[in-house]
Amino acid sequence: MHIRHLLFLPILGLKAHTVARNIVKLQPGHHTSQSGPLSDGNVTPHLLIRNGDGVRCGPGVGTCPNGKCCSTAGYCGTTQAHCRSPDCQLDFGHCDAHETPEGPPVEDIPRPHVGAVPYGPHVIRSYTADLLDLLDRYDAKATFFISGINNSKGPIDHPDLPWASLIQRMQRTKHQIASHTWSHQDLSKVTPEQRRQQILKNEAAFRNVLGKIPTYMRPPYSSCLPETGCLDDMGTMGYHIILYDIDTKDYSHDSPSAIQVSKNTFDAALSPWKASEKSWLVIAHDVHEQTVHNLTEHMLRRMAEYGYKAVTVGECLEDPQEFWYREAGEPLSNNAVRKSSSPEAHDAPSTVSKPVSPDVVPTTVVPLIYTVDLVANQKLEIASP
């Protein structure tokens, strides 16, 4: 069995992991099921939807009629606030999560077990392009874990949305693209079939955009408990599960002053170690302005000072690039989400010079991990009767 000891560092997070083919095991004392914001740091936590058409739904109540969505608080409705995943209740009405990418199913695409691991009146603003520009300036590489349809952004493979072109740019510039599930559900809290669909639908979307399917994934909320069968399911589907070492909690400090807390966290985790002795894996969320326009450059500069090189997770594991993906045919030219499987189904960079590096030769690699939301910054929509 190919086993490699890996120490991660987030831009993100910090902790030691053992990689044994498809499974990443954490050191004692680390819990995969984290308490934290519902959105795992991607967006501002959503307010509970208590209104709508007044019809209740949920456990012990029942399913919404006529293809309506069941909000977190248990009310039926059809607004984005009711239907967006992962907040919408999957088993009690339609949800964004039930949409399926166009094209043939991906179940029969071979899964070789090789290798190591916007919306109404809202203005679309995404910081992902700015992040890619910054990484280019520093000649830094990162691994981007991407969800397919969460937070009302629309599907990543939709031809009328900007997400596919951003993902294709990541590929052209040699970053690693990985899965963060279709609609950001907690994989330890859904049924085995729902868990399987979370993976298969995101695979189909990646197939439509890239013509290939990632073999690396990060579970939402870092939750994939072995007692639920999640680890076994991910291994059967050929995935390397990736977590992180340093958590700067950038989602809690998204202001010019507060982001200093995240910088201090990063510096404190990094400074005691020599680059020749320890490597790290760092995690951050590119939906936050301060992460992209402030924290990331701070971390890149600090890593250069200490002699670290920013790389993808696959490169850190010395996993050949041909094992980062499975070939899946040509990308679809008209890739749009059209089908639904809900209980009540219905159709529903500029060129710049690179910074001058210090006179330090990088001796240790640091995988940069970004949870990519690709979502427009938008006001929260509150459902009304």
Protein backbone atom coordinates (compact mmCIF):
# COMPACT_ATOMS: atom_id res chain seq x y z
CA MET A 1 0.00 0.00 0.00
CA HIS A 2 1.30 3.40 -0.91
CA ILE A 3 1.46 5.44 2.30
CA ARG A 4 2.84 8.94 2.67
CA HIS A 5 2.93 11.09 5.77
CA LEU A 6 1.69 14.56 4.93
CA LEU A 7 1.61 17.71 7.02
CA PHE A 8 -0.80 20.31 5.72
CA LEU A 9 -0.94 24.12 5.91
CA PRO A 10 -4.13 26.14 5.01
CA ILE A 11 -4.42 29.60 3.40
CA LEU A 12 -6.25 28.50 4.86
CA GLY A 13 -5.43 25.40 7.78
CA LEU A 14 -2.81 23.13 9.90
CA LYS A 15 -2.67 19.44 11.05
CA ALA A 16 -0.87 16.16 10.35
CA HIS A 17 -2.50 13.54 8.13
CA THR A 18 -1.64 10.06 6.98
CA VAL A 19 -2.64 9.33 3.41
CA ALA A 20 -3.31 5.68 2.65
CA ARG A 21 -4.50 5.49 -0.91
CA ASN A 22 -8.04 6.91 -0.78
CA ILE A 23 -8.31 7.78 2.91
CA VAL A 24 -6.82 10.63 4.92
CA LYS A 25 -6.64 9.85 8.63
CA LEU A 26 -6.25 12.70 11.09
CA GLN A 27 -4.02 12.72 14.12
CA PRO A 28 -5.64 11.99 17.50
CA GLY A 29 -7.62 14.88 18.89
CA HIS A 30 -8.94 16.12 15.56
CA HIS A 31 -12.66 15.77 14.92
CA THR A 32 -13.95 15.63 11.38
CA SER A 33 -17.40 16.90 12.35
CA GLN A 34 -16.81 20.57 13.10
CA SER A 35 -19.03 23.12 14.70
CA GLY A 36 -19.15 26.33 12.70
CA PRO A 37 -21.11 28.32 10.19
CA LEU A 38 -23.70 26.42 8.19
CA SER A 39 -21.99 27.40 4.97
CA ASP A 40 -18.54 26.15 6.04
CA GLY A 41 -17.19 29.66 5.68
CA ASN A 42 -18.33 30.20 2.11
CA VAL A 43 -21.00 32.83 2.73
CA THR A 44 -22.72 34.70 5.50
CA PRO A 45 -24.92 32.20 7.40
CA HIS A 46 -28.45 32.26 6.05
CA LEU A 47 -31.38 33.46 8.10
CA LEU A 48 -34.06 30.90 8.80
CA ILE A 49 -37.04 31.19 6.49
CA ARG A 50 -40.20 31.30 8.59
CA ASN A 51 -42.73 32.55 6.06
CA GLY A 52 -43.54 31.72 2.45
CA ASP A 53 -47.02 30.38 1.68
CA GLY A 54 -47.61 29.31 5.30
CA VAL A 55 -47.57 25.59 4.53
CA ARG A 56 -45.34 23.65 6.91
CA CYS A 57 -42.99 20.85 5.96
CA GLY A 58 -40.25 18.69 7.38
CA PRO A 59 -39.86 15.72 9.73
CA GLY A 60 -43.20 14.70 11.22
CA VAL A 61 -45.08 17.19 8.98
CA GLY A 62 -44.64 16.08 5.39
CA THR A 63 -43.48 17.09 1.92
CA CYS A 64 -44.21 20.39 0.18
CA PRO A 65 -46.76 20.20 -2.67
CA ASN A 66 -46.38 21.19 -6.30
CA GLY A 67 -42.60 21.15 -6.47
CA LYS A 68 -42.14 23.74 -3.73
CA CYS A 69 -39.06 23.84 -1.53
CA CYS A 70 -38.89 23.18 2.21
CA SER A 71 -36.83 25.83 4.01
CA THR A 72 -34.53 25.18 6.95
CA ALA A 73 -37.26 26.37 9.34
CA GLY A 74 -39.87 24.06 7.77
CA TYR A 75 -41.94 26.31 5.48
CA CYS A 76 -42.84 25.66 1.84
CA GLY A 77 -42.02 28.22 -0.85
CA THR A 78 -40.30 28.81 -4.18
CA THR A 79 -37.82 31.62 -3.49
CA GLN A 80 -34.05 31.25 -3.53
CA ALA A 81 -34.16 31.48 0.25
CA HIS A 82 -36.33 28.34 0.36
CA CYS A 83 -34.60 26.36 -2.39
CA ARG A 84 -30.88 27.05 -2.08
CA SER A 85 -28.68 24.24 -0.94
CA PRO A 86 -27.39 23.09 1.43
CA ASP A 87 -30.04 24.82 3.60
CA CYS A 88 -33.12 23.42 1.82
CA GLN A 89 -34.45 20.15 3.30
CA LEU A 90 -33.74 17.48 0.70
CA ASP A 91 -36.35 14.93 1.74
CA PHE A 92 -39.35 17.26 1.99
CA GLY A 93 -39.56 19.15 -1.31
CA HIS A 94 -37.65 20.39 -4.31
CA CYS A 95 -34.13 21.77 -3.73
CA ASP A 96 -31.36 23.09 -5.95
CA ALA A 97 -29.53 19.90 -4.99
CA HIS A 98 -32.05 17.83 -6.99
CA GLU A 99 -31.03 19.42 -10.29
CA THR A 100 -28.91 17.18 -12.50
CA PRO A 101 -26.29 18.26 -15.08
CA GLU A 102 -27.10 17.63 -18.73
CA GLY A 103 -25.45 14.74 -20.53
CA PRO A 104 -25.14 11.00 -20.03
CA PRO A 105 -24.64 9.55 -16.55
CA VAL A 106 -21.10 9.09 -15.28
CA GLU A 107 -21.54 5.87 -13.25
CA ASP A 108 -19.94 3.73 -15.95
CA ILE A 109 -16.81 5.84 -16.43
CA PRO A 110 -13.91 3.74 -15.08
CA ARG A 111 -12.68 4.56 -11.58
CA PRO A 112 -9.09 3.28 -11.41
CA HIS A 113 -7.87 2.90 -7.83
CA VAL A 114 -4.36 4.21 -8.35
CA GLY A 115 -2.30 7.10 -7.01
CA ALA A 116 -2.00 8.57 -3.51
CA VAL A 117 -5.24 11.55 -2.56
CA PRO A 118 -27.39 36.07 -10.03
CA TYR A 119 -30.02 36.38 -9.06
CA GLY A 120 -32.81 38.82 -9.26
CA PRO A 121 -31.51 42.36 -8.74
CA HIS A 122 -28.24 41.29 -7.14
CA VAL A 123 -24.94 42.34 -8.72
CA ILE A 124 -22.56 39.54 -9.64
CA ARG A 125 -19.15 39.92 -8.04
CA SER A 126 -16.70 37.09 -7.72
CA TYR A 127 -13.21 37.27 -6.29
CA THR A 128 -12.02 34.05 -7.89
CA ALA A 129 -10.54 35.79 -10.95
CA ASP A 130 -8.65 38.19 -8.68
CA LEU A 131 -7.30 35.24 -6.73
CA LEU A 132 -6.07 33.57 -9.91
CA ASP A 133 -4.34 36.81 -10.94
CA LEU A 134 -2.59 36.97 -7.57
CA LEU A 135 -1.43 33.36 -7.71
CA ASP A 136 -0.07 33.99 -11.21
CA ARG A 137 1.97 36.94 -9.94
CA TYR A 138 3.62 34.76 -7.33
CA ASP A 139 3.96 31.72 -9.57
CA ALA A 140 1.98 29.87 -6.88
CA LYS A 141 -0.28 26.89 -7.42
CA ALA A 142 -3.35 25.85 -5.44
CA THR A 143 -5.98 23.14 -5.25
CA PHE A 144 -9.54 24.42 -5.72
CA PHE A 145 -12.35 22.36 -4.15
CA ILE A 146 -15.53 23.31 -6.01
CA SER A 147 -19.21 22.75 -5.19
CA GLY A 148 -21.58 22.47 -8.13
CA ILE A 149 -24.79 24.36 -7.26
CA ASN A 150 -24.83 25.62 -3.66
CA ASN A 151 -25.91 29.06 -2.41
CA SER A 152 -28.16 29.86 -5.40
CA LYS A 153 -25.23 30.49 -7.74
CA GLY A 154 -26.66 28.23 -10.43
CA PRO A 155 -24.85 25.17 -11.79
CA ILE A 156 -21.16 25.47 -12.56
CA ASP A 157 -21.67 23.98 -16.03
CA HIS A 158 -24.48 26.34 -17.14
CA PRO A 159 -23.53 28.02 -20.46
CA ASP A 160 -25.04 31.40 -19.45
CA LEU A 161 -23.07 31.70 -16.20
CA PRO A 162 -19.37 32.63 -15.78
CA TRP A 163 -18.32 29.68 -13.64
CA ALA A 164 -17.24 27.25 -16.36
CA SER A 165 -14.80 29.76 -17.87
CA LEU A 166 -13.21 30.35 -14.46
CA ILE A 167 -12.78 26.62 -13.89
CA GLN A 168 -11.27 26.23 -17.35
CA ARG A 169 -8.84 29.04 -16.55
CA MET A 170 -7.77 27.16 -13.40
CA GLN A 171 -7.02 24.16 -15.56
CA ARG A 172 -5.09 26.15 -18.18
CA THR A 173 -2.88 27.72 -15.52
CA LYS A 174 -2.02 24.35 -13.96
CA HIS A 175 -3.94 24.59 -10.71
CA GLN A 176 -5.58 21.44 -9.40
CA ILE A 177 -9.38 21.17 -9.51
CA ALA A 178 -11.14 18.96 -7.00
CA SER A 179 -14.66 18.18 -5.79
CA HIS A 180 -16.50 19.71 -2.83
CA THR A 181 -19.77 17.85 -3.69
CA TRP A 182 -22.75 19.01 -5.74
CA SER A 183 -24.70 21.10 -3.21
CA HIS A 184 -22.53 21.13 -0.07
CA GLN A 185 -24.55 18.67 2.00
CA ASP A 186 -23.03 17.13 5.11
CA LEU A 187 -22.03 13.69 3.84
CA SER A 188 -22.29 12.20 7.33
CA LYS A 189 -25.96 13.24 7.64
CA VAL A 190 -27.46 12.15 4.32
CA THR A 191 -28.42 8.68 3.11
CA PRO A 192 -25.91 6.55 1.20
CA GLU A 193 -27.81 7.17 -2.06
CA GLN A 194 -27.96 10.94 -1.43
CA ARG A 195 -24.24 10.88 -0.72
CA ARG A 196 -23.63 9.02 -3.96
CA GLN A 197 -25.70 11.56 -5.92
CA GLN A 198 -23.73 14.43 -4.36
CA ILE A 199 -20.62 12.96 -5.95
CA LEU A 200 -22.09 11.78 -9.27
CA LYS A 201 -23.80 15.08 -10.09
CA ASN A 202 -20.65 17.07 -9.44
CA GLU A 203 -18.74 14.60 -11.58
CA ALA A 204 -21.19 15.16 -14.45
CA ALA A 205 -20.79 18.93 -14.14
CA PHE A 206 -16.99 18.64 -14.20
CA ARG A 207 -17.27 16.33 -17.21
CA ASN A 208 -19.35 18.97 -19.00
CA VAL A 209 -16.83 21.72 -18.23
CA LEU A 210 -13.47 19.94 -18.45
CA GLY A 211 -14.00 16.60 -20.14
CA LYS A 212 -12.49 14.97 -17.05
CA ILE A 213 -13.44 14.20 -13.45
CA PRO A 214 -11.33 15.01 -10.37
CA THR A 215 -10.20 12.17 -8.11
CA TYR A 216 -9.60 14.40 -5.06
CA MET A 217 -12.37 15.72 -2.82
CA ARG A 218 -12.90 17.61 0.43
CA PRO A 219 -16.11 16.80 2.31
CA PRO A 220 -18.26 19.80 3.32
CA TYR A 221 -17.72 20.77 6.96
CA SER A 222 -14.80 18.30 6.88
CA SER A 223 -17.41 15.69 7.78
CA CYS A 224 -17.12 12.14 6.45
CA LEU A 225 -17.49 9.90 9.49
CA PRO A 226 -16.44 6.25 9.11
CA GLU A 227 -19.41 4.96 11.14
CA THR A 228 -21.80 6.41 8.54
CA GLY A 229 -20.09 4.54 5.70
CA CYS A 230 -18.88 7.79 4.15
CA LEU A 231 -15.18 6.89 4.06
CA ASP A 232 -15.95 3.52 2.51
CA ASP A 233 -18.23 5.12 -0.08
CA MET A 234 -15.61 7.69 -1.08
CA GLY A 235 -12.97 4.99 -1.32
CA THR A 236 -15.22 2.81 -3.49
CA MET A 237 -15.76 5.78 -5.81
CA GLY A 238 -12.00 6.25 -6.10
CA TYR A 239 -11.54 9.48 -4.15
CA HIS A 240 -8.70 10.82 -2.04
CA ILE A 241 -10.21 12.69 0.92
CA ILE A 242 -8.36 15.88 1.82
CA LEU A 243 -8.60 17.88 5.03
CA TYR A 244 -6.20 20.57 6.31
CA ASP A 245 -3.71 21.66 8.96
CA ILE A 246 -4.01 25.45 9.52
CA ASP A 247 -7.44 27.04 9.81
CA THR A 248 -7.19 30.82 9.69
CA LYS A 249 -11.00 31.08 10.02
CA ASP A 250 -11.02 33.71 7.30
CA TYR A 251 -14.81 33.49 7.09
CA SER A 252 -15.04 35.02 10.59
CA HIS A 253 -12.69 37.94 9.91
CA ASP A 254 -13.77 39.46 6.60
CA SER A 255 -12.96 43.14 7.24
CA PRO A 256 -9.73 45.12 6.74
CA SER A 257 -9.12 45.24 10.50
CA ALA A 258 -10.42 41.82 11.54
CA ILE A 259 -8.41 39.93 8.92
CA GLN A 260 -5.32 40.63 11.02
CA VAL A 261 -6.56 37.86 13.34
CA SER A 262 -6.27 35.38 10.48
CA LYS A 263 -2.83 36.69 9.57
CA ASN A 264 -1.69 36.25 13.16
CA THR A 265 -3.07 32.72 13.24
CA PHE A 266 -1.17 31.84 10.11
CA ASP A 267 2.07 33.41 11.32
CA ALA A 268 1.86 31.72 14.72
CA ALA A 269 1.39 28.31 13.13
CA LEU A 270 4.18 28.76 10.63
CA SER A 271 6.93 30.63 12.46
CA PRO A 272 8.10 27.98 14.96
CA TRP A 273 9.00 25.53 12.24
CA LYS A 274 11.83 25.43 9.76
CA ALA A 275 10.88 24.80 6.17
CA SER A 276 13.31 21.90 6.02
CA GLU A 277 11.55 20.17 8.93
CA LYS A 278 7.83 20.51 8.34
CA SER A 279 5.34 21.12 5.54
CA TRP A 280 1.77 22.33 5.86
CA LEU A 281 -1.58 22.36 4.12
CA VAL A 282 -3.61 25.61 4.26
CA ILE A 283 -7.33 26.22 3.61
CA ALA A 284 -9.29 29.41 2.80
CA HIS A 285 -12.52 30.51 1.08
CA ASP A 286 -12.28 32.68 -2.01
CA VAL A 287 -15.78 34.16 -1.61
CA HIS A 288 -14.40 36.54 1.02
CA GLU A 289 -12.87 39.79 -0.22
CA GLN A 290 -10.28 40.06 2.56
CA THR A 291 -9.10 36.50 1.94
CA VAL A 292 -8.34 37.27 -1.68
CA HIS A 293 -7.23 40.91 -1.48
CA ASN A 294 -5.38 40.83 1.83
CA LEU A 295 -4.77 37.50 3.58
CA THR A 296 -3.60 35.47 0.59
CA GLU A 297 -0.82 37.86 -0.40
CA HIS A 298 0.31 38.05 3.23
CA MET A 299 0.58 34.27 3.34
CA LEU A 300 2.38 34.05 0.00
CA ARG A 301 4.94 36.62 1.14
CA ARG A 302 5.42 34.90 4.49
CA MET A 303 5.88 31.51 2.86
CA ALA A 304 8.52 32.97 0.55
CA GLU A 305 10.35 34.41 3.57
CA TYR A 306 10.45 31.02 5.27
CA GLY A 307 11.44 29.10 2.17
CA TYR A 308 8.15 27.40 1.37
CA LYS A 309 6.82 26.79 -2.12
CA ALA A 310 3.05 26.98 -2.74
CA VAL A 311 1.89 23.89 -4.63
CA THR A 312 -1.16 21.75 -5.25
CA VAL A 313 -2.07 18.88 -2.94
CA GLY A 314 -1.32 16.41 -5.71
CA GLU A 315 2.18 17.79 -6.18
CA CYS A 316 2.84 17.67 -2.44
CA LEU A 317 1.90 13.98 -2.46
CA GLU A 318 4.12 13.41 -5.50
CA ASP A 319 1.04 12.04 -7.24
CA PRO A 320 1.50 12.25 -11.04
CA GLN A 321 -0.91 14.72 -12.66
CA GLU A 322 -2.47 11.99 -14.80
CA PHE A 323 -3.90 10.54 -11.58
CA TRP A 324 -5.56 13.80 -10.46
CA TYR A 325 -8.43 13.21 -12.90
CA ARG A 326 -10.31 10.51 -14.77
CA GLU A 327 -10.90 11.06 -18.47
CA ALA A 328 -14.60 11.41 -19.29
CA GLY A 329 -14.83 12.33 -22.97
CA GLU A 330 -15.24 15.72 -24.58
CA PRO A 331 -16.87 18.59 -22.65
CA LEU A 332 -20.49 19.17 -23.68
CA SER A 333 -21.05 22.25 -25.85
CA ASN A 334 -24.53 22.99 -24.50
CA ASN A 335 -24.12 22.02 -20.88
CA ALA A 336 -27.10 23.15 -18.85
CA VAL A 337 -28.90 21.71 -15.88
CA ARG A 338 -32.40 20.66 -16.91
CA LYS A 339 -33.42 17.54 -15.02
CA SER A 340 -34.65 17.18 -11.46
CA SER A 341 -34.98 14.30 -9.03
CA SER A 342 -36.78 16.04 -6.15
CA PRO A 343 -39.69 14.45 -4.26
CA GLU A 344 -41.95 16.86 -6.19
CA ALA A 345 -40.03 17.05 -9.46
CA HIS A 346 -40.46 20.02 -11.77
CA ASP A 347 -38.52 21.62 -14.59
CA ALA A 348 -37.01 23.96 -13.05
CA PRO A 349 -5.81 38.12 -16.13
CA SER A 350 -4.01 40.97 -16.92
CA THR A 351 -0.24 40.53 -17.45
CA VAL A 352 1.88 41.77 -14.56
CA SER A 353 5.44 41.23 -13.45
CA LYS A 354 6.07 38.68 -10.73
CA PRO A 355 7.16 39.95 -7.31
CA VAL A 356 10.82 39.75 -6.49
CA SER A 357 11.40 36.77 -4.21
CA PRO A 358 13.73 36.87 -1.23
CA ASP A 359 17.08 35.14 -1.48
CA VAL A 360 15.63 31.94 -0.08
CA VAL A 361 15.48 28.71 -2.03
CA PRO A 362 12.17 26.94 -1.32
CA THR A 363 12.88 23.66 0.43
CA THR A 364 9.40 22.52 1.51
CA VAL A 365 6.13 22.51 -0.37
CA VAL A 366 2.91 23.99 1.01
CA PRO A 367 -0.34 22.88 -0.63
CA LEU A 368 -2.80 25.77 -0.83
CA ILE A 369 -6.42 24.65 -0.56
CA TYR A 370 -9.30 26.95 -1.51
CA THR A 371 -12.94 26.14 -1.02
CA VAL A 372 -14.36 27.82 -4.11
CA ASP A 373 -17.90 29.14 -3.84
CA LEU A 374 -18.02 30.92 -7.22
CA VAL A 375 -21.10 32.70 -5.91
CA ALA A 376 -22.18 36.27 -6.43
CA ASN A 377 -21.99 38.50 -3.40
CA GLN A 378 -25.62 39.11 -2.70
CA LYS A 379 -28.05 40.30 -0.10
CA LEU A 380 -29.85 37.54 1.75
CA GLU A 381 -33.38 37.08 0.49
CA ILE A 382 -35.99 36.70 3.21
CA ALA A 383 -39.12 34.86 2.17
CA SER A 384 -42.41 36.67 2.74
CA PRO A 385 -46.00 35.42 2.59
